[in-house]
Amino acid sequence: AKHVLSELERWRDAGAGLDWCALLPGLAAFLAPAGAAPRRSSAAERRATRGLAAAGQKAEDRRDLVRRLLRFVGSLGGECHGLVVREPTPDQLQRPVAELGLKLSLSLGGSLVELEPSELLPHVARLLKRGPCRGARLAAGESLHALLRYVIGSDSVDQTANVENSEAATKYAEVLKSPLLPLALRAASDEDETLSKLFKSLLSQTVLWMAHRPPNASLSSLRDALLEAMGDPHSPALRSTAAKLL
């Protein structure tokens, strides 16, 4: 626990844009009173509690660690609210989006890890909406931009579909409709000028490209995403962006 806290302090001092809402709940077990009543705990909290017991930590050492943790959490300002999370519902524990059918190879140290992009999309969406700093939001935007370009460029008509249909099925029509295009439209409506320009340019090119193709399911996904954004009751900027693209 001390080594983990030291690394977190180092990253904080370096100004790293970490997702504290995802990291802080794992520290909650260390702040719980030693005689607290048992309650339903998360897997991260159970691992943390087992780590304390296995180390045979003395009471005084534990008090020092708790004080240090409290100072660390307090230094995060408004981000410290991530320490308290509600118990997730069964729906929240399920994967938020369907698999995209892609595999990205990432090099981590000496290992090569294959990652399904749909596992990243919920985190990208959260960082775009309320990233801890501008750098984190821009990095999330660039990730979404690269993924959307890849999906649009790789989208192809399903040759096994019935050719008599007026609208040909395409490989990525469903994931374009949700969540990729709605996320891109919100990024194009963002207050940050860099994010806004990045996605407005991509979406404008996408609209022109799809408009000159034969009717297909991806074109319908784009139309549906634009119409849904135009009816958004909360964001005038989103409605304006969608209307201009349509």
Protein backbone atom coordinates (compact mmCIF):
# COMPACT_ATOMS: atom_id res chain seq x y z
CA ALA A 1 0.00 0.00 0.00
CA LYS A 2 2.83 2.42 0.82
CA HIS A 3 4.51 1.79 -2.53
CA VAL A 4 1.22 2.31 -4.39
CA LEU A 5 0.61 5.56 -2.53
CA SER A 6 4.13 6.75 -3.33
CA GLU A 7 3.52 6.16 -7.03
CA LEU A 8 0.18 7.97 -6.90
CA GLU A 9 1.84 10.93 -5.18
CA ARG A 10 4.56 10.97 -7.84
CA TRP A 11 2.00 10.96 -10.67
CA ARG A 12 0.00 13.71 -8.95
CA ASP A 13 3.09 15.88 -8.54
CA ALA A 14 4.00 15.29 -12.20
CA GLY A 15 0.57 16.57 -13.24
CA ALA A 16 -0.49 13.27 -14.82
CA GLY A 17 -4.11 13.32 -15.99
CA LEU A 18 -5.25 10.19 -14.17
CA ASP A 19 -8.83 9.02 -13.87
CA TRP A 20 -9.10 9.41 -10.10
CA CYS A 21 -12.73 8.27 -10.10
CA ALA A 22 -11.51 4.85 -11.22
CA LEU A 23 -8.47 4.71 -8.91
CA LEU A 24 -9.69 6.13 -5.61
CA PRO A 25 -12.36 3.51 -4.74
CA GLY A 26 -9.56 0.96 -4.37
CA LEU A 27 -8.15 3.03 -1.49
CA ALA A 28 -11.40 3.13 0.49
CA ALA A 29 -10.65 -0.08 2.40
CA PHE A 30 -7.50 1.45 3.89
CA LEU A 31 -9.51 4.35 5.31
CA ALA A 32 -12.21 2.20 6.92
CA PRO A 33 -12.05 2.04 10.75
CA ALA A 34 -10.44 -1.13 12.03
CA GLY A 35 -13.61 -2.10 13.97
CA ALA A 36 -16.10 -1.07 11.31
CA ALA A 37 -19.17 -3.23 10.88
CA PRO A 38 -18.92 -5.69 8.00
CA ARG A 39 -20.60 -4.67 4.78
CA ARG A 40 -20.75 -5.81 1.21
CA SER A 41 -17.41 -4.86 -0.32
CA SER A 42 -15.99 -4.74 -3.81
CA ALA A 43 -13.30 -7.09 -5.08
CA ALA A 44 -10.73 -4.27 -4.93
CA GLU A 45 -11.57 -3.55 -1.29
CA ARG A 46 -11.36 -7.25 -0.36
CA ARG A 47 -7.93 -7.50 -1.98
CA ALA A 48 -6.79 -4.40 -0.11
CA THR A 49 -8.05 -5.78 3.23
CA ARG A 50 -6.30 -9.10 2.66
CA GLY A 51 -3.11 -7.21 1.87
CA LEU A 52 -3.26 -5.39 5.20
CA ALA A 53 -3.85 -8.60 7.15
CA ALA A 54 -1.11 -10.50 5.32
CA ALA A 55 1.44 -7.81 6.08
CA GLY A 56 0.61 -7.88 9.78
CA GLN A 57 0.64 -4.12 9.87
CA LYS A 58 0.92 -2.59 13.31
CA ALA A 59 -1.71 -0.20 14.57
CA GLU A 60 0.68 2.75 14.63
CA ASP A 61 1.85 2.07 11.08
CA ARG A 62 -1.75 1.88 9.96
CA ARG A 63 -2.55 5.24 11.58
CA ASP A 64 0.41 6.80 9.76
CA LEU A 65 -0.77 5.33 6.48
CA VAL A 66 -4.32 6.59 7.03
CA ARG A 67 -3.08 10.12 7.81
CA ARG A 68 -0.91 10.06 4.70
CA LEU A 69 -3.84 8.82 2.61
CA LEU A 70 -6.10 11.56 3.96
CA ARG A 71 -3.53 14.23 3.09
CA PHE A 72 -3.19 12.75 -0.40
CA VAL A 73 -6.94 12.61 -1.02
CA GLY A 74 -7.35 16.16 0.31
CA SER A 75 -4.67 17.40 -2.09
CA LEU A 76 -6.77 16.27 -5.05
CA GLY A 77 -9.42 18.92 -4.43
CA GLY A 78 -12.71 18.20 -6.16
CA GLU A 79 -11.42 14.90 -7.54
CA CYS A 80 -11.61 13.36 -4.05
CA HIS A 81 -15.35 12.73 -4.59
CA GLY A 82 -14.28 9.65 -6.56
CA LEU A 83 -13.39 7.98 -3.26
CA VAL A 84 -17.09 7.37 -2.59
CA VAL A 85 -18.98 5.33 -5.15
CA ARG A 86 -22.43 3.86 -5.12
CA GLU A 87 -22.91 0.11 -5.27
CA PRO A 88 -23.14 -0.71 -9.01
CA THR A 89 -26.37 -2.12 -10.36
CA PRO A 90 -26.36 -5.35 -12.42
CA ASP A 91 -26.99 -3.29 -15.56
CA GLN A 92 -23.94 -1.12 -14.86
CA LEU A 93 -21.76 -4.20 -14.47
CA GLN A 94 -22.61 -5.40 -17.96
CA ARG A 95 -20.55 -4.32 -20.95
CA PRO A 96 -21.94 -0.95 -22.10
CA VAL A 97 -21.44 -1.52 -25.81
CA ALA A 98 -21.22 -4.47 -28.15
CA GLU A 99 -17.87 -5.70 -29.39
CA LEU A 100 -16.65 -3.92 -32.50
CA GLY A 101 -15.01 -6.98 -33.98
CA LEU A 102 -11.57 -5.31 -33.87
CA LYS A 103 -8.40 -6.22 -32.03
CA LEU A 104 -5.77 -3.59 -31.22
CA SER A 105 -2.29 -4.81 -30.36
CA LEU A 106 -0.69 -2.74 -27.59
CA SER A 107 2.85 -3.11 -26.30
CA LEU A 108 3.03 -2.96 -22.50
CA GLY A 109 6.57 -3.41 -21.29
CA GLY A 110 7.74 -6.67 -22.78
CA SER A 111 4.26 -8.02 -23.44
CA LEU A 112 1.91 -7.63 -26.39
CA VAL A 113 -1.72 -7.27 -25.36
CA GLU A 114 -4.72 -7.55 -27.69
CA LEU A 115 -7.48 -5.17 -26.68
CA GLU A 116 -11.07 -4.95 -27.90
CA PRO A 117 -11.79 -1.20 -28.45
CA SER A 118 -15.27 -1.47 -26.96
CA GLU A 119 -13.59 -1.96 -23.58
CA LEU A 120 -12.03 1.50 -23.94
CA LEU A 121 -15.07 3.42 -25.18
CA PRO A 122 -16.77 3.91 -21.78
CA HIS A 123 -13.54 5.40 -20.40
CA VAL A 124 -13.03 7.57 -23.50
CA ALA A 125 -16.61 8.87 -23.16
CA ARG A 126 -16.11 9.64 -19.46
CA LEU A 127 -12.84 11.49 -20.07
CA LEU A 128 -14.37 13.51 -22.91
CA LYS A 129 -17.22 14.57 -20.64
CA ARG A 130 -15.31 15.32 -17.43
CA GLY A 131 -11.62 14.62 -17.83
CA PRO A 132 -9.41 15.78 -14.95
CA CYS A 133 -7.44 18.09 -17.24
CA ARG A 134 -7.46 19.37 -20.81
CA GLY A 135 -4.65 17.02 -21.81
CA ALA A 136 -6.68 13.97 -20.78
CA ARG A 137 -9.73 15.21 -22.68
CA LEU A 138 -7.68 15.87 -25.82
CA ALA A 139 -6.06 12.42 -25.60
CA ALA A 140 -9.51 10.83 -25.31
CA GLY A 141 -10.70 12.88 -28.29
CA GLU A 142 -7.74 11.80 -30.41
CA SER A 143 -8.39 8.15 -29.51
CA LEU A 144 -12.03 8.43 -30.54
CA HIS A 145 -11.04 10.31 -33.71
CA ALA A 146 -8.58 7.58 -34.73
CA LEU A 147 -11.07 4.79 -33.99
CA LEU A 148 -13.87 6.52 -35.92
CA ARG A 149 -11.61 7.07 -38.93
CA TYR A 150 -10.59 3.42 -38.89
CA VAL A 151 -14.19 2.19 -38.64
CA ILE A 152 -15.42 4.48 -41.43
CA GLY A 153 -12.49 3.53 -43.65
CA SER A 154 -12.99 -0.18 -42.99
CA ASP A 155 -16.77 -0.13 -43.32
CA SER A 156 -17.90 -2.24 -46.26
CA VAL A 157 -21.12 -3.51 -47.72
CA ASP A 158 -22.10 -6.98 -46.56
CA GLN A 159 -21.85 -9.07 -49.73
CA THR A 160 -24.05 -11.79 -48.20
CA ALA A 161 -27.00 -9.39 -47.82
CA ASN A 162 -29.98 -9.55 -50.13
CA VAL A 163 -29.04 -7.46 -53.17
CA GLU A 164 -32.70 -6.66 -53.79
CA ASN A 165 -32.84 -4.56 -50.61
CA SER A 166 -32.81 -0.83 -51.31
CA GLU A 167 -30.45 -0.34 -48.40
CA ALA A 168 -27.38 -2.58 -48.26
CA ALA A 169 -26.19 -3.80 -44.88
CA THR A 170 -22.72 -2.69 -43.79
CA LYS A 171 -20.19 -4.08 -41.37
CA TYR A 172 -20.16 -1.29 -38.76
CA ALA A 173 -23.59 0.33 -39.15
CA GLU A 174 -24.72 -0.52 -35.61
CA VAL A 175 -21.60 0.73 -33.80
CA LEU A 176 -21.62 3.91 -35.90
CA LYS A 177 -25.20 4.60 -34.85
CA SER A 178 -24.28 4.01 -31.21
CA PRO A 179 -21.94 4.88 -29.66
CA LEU A 180 -19.37 6.24 -32.15
CA LEU A 181 -21.31 8.94 -34.04
CA PRO A 182 -23.16 10.31 -30.96
CA LEU A 183 -19.82 10.61 -29.14
CA ALA A 184 -18.25 12.33 -32.14
CA LEU A 185 -21.15 14.80 -32.41
CA ARG A 186 -20.82 15.75 -28.75
CA ALA A 187 -17.07 16.24 -29.22
CA ALA A 188 -17.77 18.45 -32.26
CA SER A 189 -20.02 20.58 -30.03
CA ASP A 190 -17.49 20.87 -27.22
CA GLU A 191 -16.41 24.21 -25.77
CA ASP A 192 -12.77 23.27 -26.44
CA GLU A 193 -11.93 24.73 -29.84
CA THR A 194 -9.35 22.05 -30.65
CA LEU A 195 -11.77 19.19 -30.02
CA SER A 196 -14.56 20.97 -31.85
CA LYS A 197 -12.51 21.63 -34.99
CA LEU A 198 -11.08 18.11 -35.01
CA PHE A 199 -14.49 16.42 -35.07
CA LYS A 200 -16.36 18.97 -37.17
CA SER A 201 -13.82 18.45 -39.94
CA LEU A 202 -14.08 14.65 -39.74
CA LEU A 203 -17.88 14.64 -39.60
CA SER A 204 -18.18 17.07 -42.52
CA GLN A 205 -15.96 14.81 -44.64
CA THR A 206 -17.96 11.77 -43.51
CA VAL A 207 -21.28 13.36 -44.50
CA LEU A 208 -19.96 14.29 -47.97
CA TRP A 209 -18.44 10.86 -48.51
CA MET A 210 -21.51 8.89 -47.44
CA ALA A 211 -23.86 11.17 -49.38
CA HIS A 212 -22.14 10.18 -52.64
CA ARG A 213 -22.34 6.45 -51.96
CA PRO A 214 -25.29 4.19 -52.80
CA PRO A 215 -27.84 3.96 -49.94
CA ASN A 216 -26.65 1.68 -47.18
CA ALA A 217 -27.11 1.00 -43.48
CA SER A 218 -24.19 3.23 -42.44
CA LEU A 219 -25.77 6.21 -44.18
CA SER A 220 -28.96 5.54 -42.23
CA SER A 221 -26.93 5.35 -39.01
CA LEU A 222 -25.42 8.76 -39.76
CA ARG A 223 -28.86 10.24 -40.54
CA ASP A 224 -30.38 8.78 -37.35
CA ALA A 225 -27.50 10.06 -35.21
CA LEU A 226 -27.87 13.56 -36.67
CA LEU A 227 -31.64 13.62 -36.21
CA GLU A 228 -31.35 12.40 -32.63
CA ALA A 229 -28.75 15.07 -31.86
CA MET A 230 -31.01 17.76 -33.36
CA GLY A 231 -33.67 16.78 -30.84
CA ASP A 232 -31.38 16.84 -27.81
CA PRO A 233 -33.20 18.84 -25.09
CA HIS A 234 -30.11 19.82 -23.10
CA SER A 235 -27.45 21.09 -25.52
CA PRO A 236 -28.09 23.95 -27.97
CA ALA A 237 -24.53 23.55 -29.28
CA LEU A 238 -25.18 19.89 -30.12
CA ARG A 239 -28.44 20.76 -31.90
CA SER A 240 -26.70 23.47 -33.91
CA THR A 241 -23.79 21.23 -34.92
CA ALA A 242 -26.12 18.43 -36.06
CA ALA A 243 -28.34 20.83 -38.01
CA LYS A 244 -25.39 22.29 -39.90
CA LEU A 245 -24.10 18.83 -40.81
CA LEU A 246 -27.53 17.63 -41.93
